[in-house]
Amino acid sequence: MNKEKDVRICPVCERKVERSEMNFTKDCHGIPFRLVCWECYLKLMEKGYDGEYYDESDEQIEDDY
């Protein structure tokens, strides 16, 4: 049986990687953030989360709330 591989491009290093060799990083609240290769995952998650720290006040989109 010839199974087709699910190959994707890592948004950080732009390498072609099989989906099975990728993982979702998590933001500072544990919410899945982006799908990256394992090498980028380890670098991005060194501080415990991917991206910048934010709280509820950062989530306000409009001024009139």
C-alpha atoms as a PDB file:
ATOM      1  CA  MET A   1       0.000   0.000   0.000  1.00  0.00           C
ATOM      2  CA  ASN A   2       1.439   3.369  -1.056  1.00  0.00           C
ATOM      3  CA  LYS A   3       0.343   5.898   1.537  1.00  0.00           C
ATOM      4  CA  GLU A   4       0.702   9.568   0.602  1.00  0.00           C
ATOM      5  CA  LYS A   5       2.680  11.608   3.112  1.00  0.00           C
ATOM      6  CA  ASP A   6       1.195  14.752   4.647  1.00  0.00           C
ATOM      7  CA  VAL A   7       4.004  17.252   4.061  1.00  0.00           C
ATOM      8  CA  ARG A   8       3.680  20.817   5.312  1.00  0.00           C
ATOM      9  CA  ILE A   9       5.899  23.887   5.472  1.00  0.00           C
ATOM     10  CA  CYS A  10       7.011  25.073   8.907  1.00  0.00           C
ATOM     11  CA  PRO A  11       5.986  28.759   9.207  1.00  0.00           C
ATOM     12  CA  VAL A  12       9.163  29.581  11.163  1.00  0.00           C
ATOM     13  CA  CYS A  13      12.054  27.911   9.285  1.00  0.00           C
ATOM     14  CA  GLU A  14      10.078  27.292   6.053  1.00  0.00           C
ATOM     15  CA  ARG A  15      11.338  23.705   5.721  1.00  0.00           C
ATOM     16  CA  LYS A  16       9.121  20.978   4.287  1.00  0.00           C
ATOM     17  CA  VAL A  17       8.269  18.619   7.148  1.00  0.00           C
ATOM     18  CA  GLU A  18       5.964  15.635   7.561  1.00  0.00           C
ATOM     19  CA  ARG A  19       2.942  16.460   9.728  1.00  0.00           C
ATOM     20  CA  SER A  20       3.918  13.666  12.132  1.00  0.00           C
ATOM     21  CA  GLU A  21       7.147  15.592  12.858  1.00  0.00           C
ATOM     22  CA  MET A  22       5.313  18.785  13.849  1.00  0.00           C
ATOM     23  CA  ASN A  23       3.614  19.998  17.016  1.00  0.00           C
ATOM     24  CA  PHE A  24       1.493  22.958  18.076  1.00  0.00           C
ATOM     25  CA  THR A  25       3.190  25.546  20.264  1.00  0.00           C
ATOM     26  CA  LYS A  26       1.070  27.020  23.045  1.00  0.00           C
ATOM     27  CA  ASP A  27       0.621  30.635  24.081  1.00  0.00           C
ATOM     28  CA  CYS A  28       1.051  31.879  27.663  1.00  0.00           C
ATOM     29  CA  HIS A  29      -2.421  30.572  28.592  1.00  0.00           C
ATOM     30  CA  GLY A  30      -1.895  27.101  27.107  1.00  0.00           C
ATOM     31  CA  ILE A  31      -3.946  27.769  23.975  1.00  0.00           C
ATOM     32  CA  PRO A  32      -2.580  26.123  20.793  1.00  0.00           C
ATOM     33  CA  PHE A  33      -0.819  28.844  18.818  1.00  0.00           C
ATOM     34  CA  ARG A  34       0.892  27.539  15.667  1.00  0.00           C
ATOM     35  CA  LEU A  35       2.010  24.291  14.062  1.00  0.00           C
ATOM     36  CA  VAL A  36       5.802  24.101  13.713  1.00  0.00           C
ATOM     37  CA  CYS A  37       8.548  21.498  13.224  1.00  0.00           C
ATOM     38  CA  TRP A  38      10.120  19.914  16.323  1.00  0.00           C
ATOM     39  CA  GLU A  39      13.331  21.954  16.048  1.00  0.00           C
ATOM     40  CA  CYS A  40      11.425  25.245  15.985  1.00  0.00           C
ATOM     41  CA  TYR A  41       9.056  23.976  18.689  1.00  0.00           C
ATOM     42  CA  LEU A  42      11.928  23.430  21.112  1.00  0.00           C
ATOM     43  CA  LYS A  43      13.358  26.909  20.452  1.00  0.00           C
ATOM     44  CA  LEU A  44       9.987  28.699  20.631  1.00  0.00           C
ATOM     45  CA  MET A  45       8.871  26.944  23.821  1.00  0.00           C
ATOM     46  CA  GLU A  46      12.100  27.569  25.802  1.00  0.00           C
ATOM     47  CA  LYS A  47      10.398  30.196  27.979  1.00  0.00           C
ATOM     48  CA  GLY A  48       7.317  27.993  28.441  1.00  0.00           C
ATOM     49  CA  TYR A  49       5.138  29.554  25.754  1.00  0.00           C
ATOM     50  CA  ASP A  50       5.225  30.902  22.201  1.00  0.00           C
ATOM     51  CA  GLY A  51       4.673  34.600  21.494  1.00  0.00           C
ATOM     52  CA  GLU A  52       4.265  37.471  23.911  1.00  0.00           C
ATOM     53  CA  TYR A  53       2.646  37.366  27.333  1.00  0.00           C
ATOM     54  CA  TYR A  54      -0.824  38.898  27.424  1.00  0.00           C
ATOM     55  CA  ASP A  55      -3.754  39.290  29.834  1.00  0.00           C
ATOM     56  CA  GLU A  56      -7.424  40.263  29.599  1.00  0.00           C
ATOM     57  CA  SER A  57      -6.676  43.958  29.096  1.00  0.00           C
ATOM     58  CA  ASP A  58      -4.712  43.142  25.942  1.00  0.00           C
ATOM     59  CA  GLU A  59      -7.729  41.382  24.437  1.00  0.00           C
ATOM     60  CA  GLN A  60      -9.858  44.563  24.296  1.00  0.00           C
ATOM     61  CA  ILE A  61     -10.337  45.234  20.584  1.00  0.00           C
ATOM     62  CA  GLU A  62     -12.594  48.317  20.688  1.00  0.00           C
ATOM     63  CA  ASP A  63     -12.206  51.386  22.915  1.00  0.00           C
ATOM     64  CA  ASP A  64     -15.872  51.665  23.914  1.00  0.00           C
ATOM     65  CA  TYR A  65     -15.987  48.658  26.263  1.00  0.00           C
END
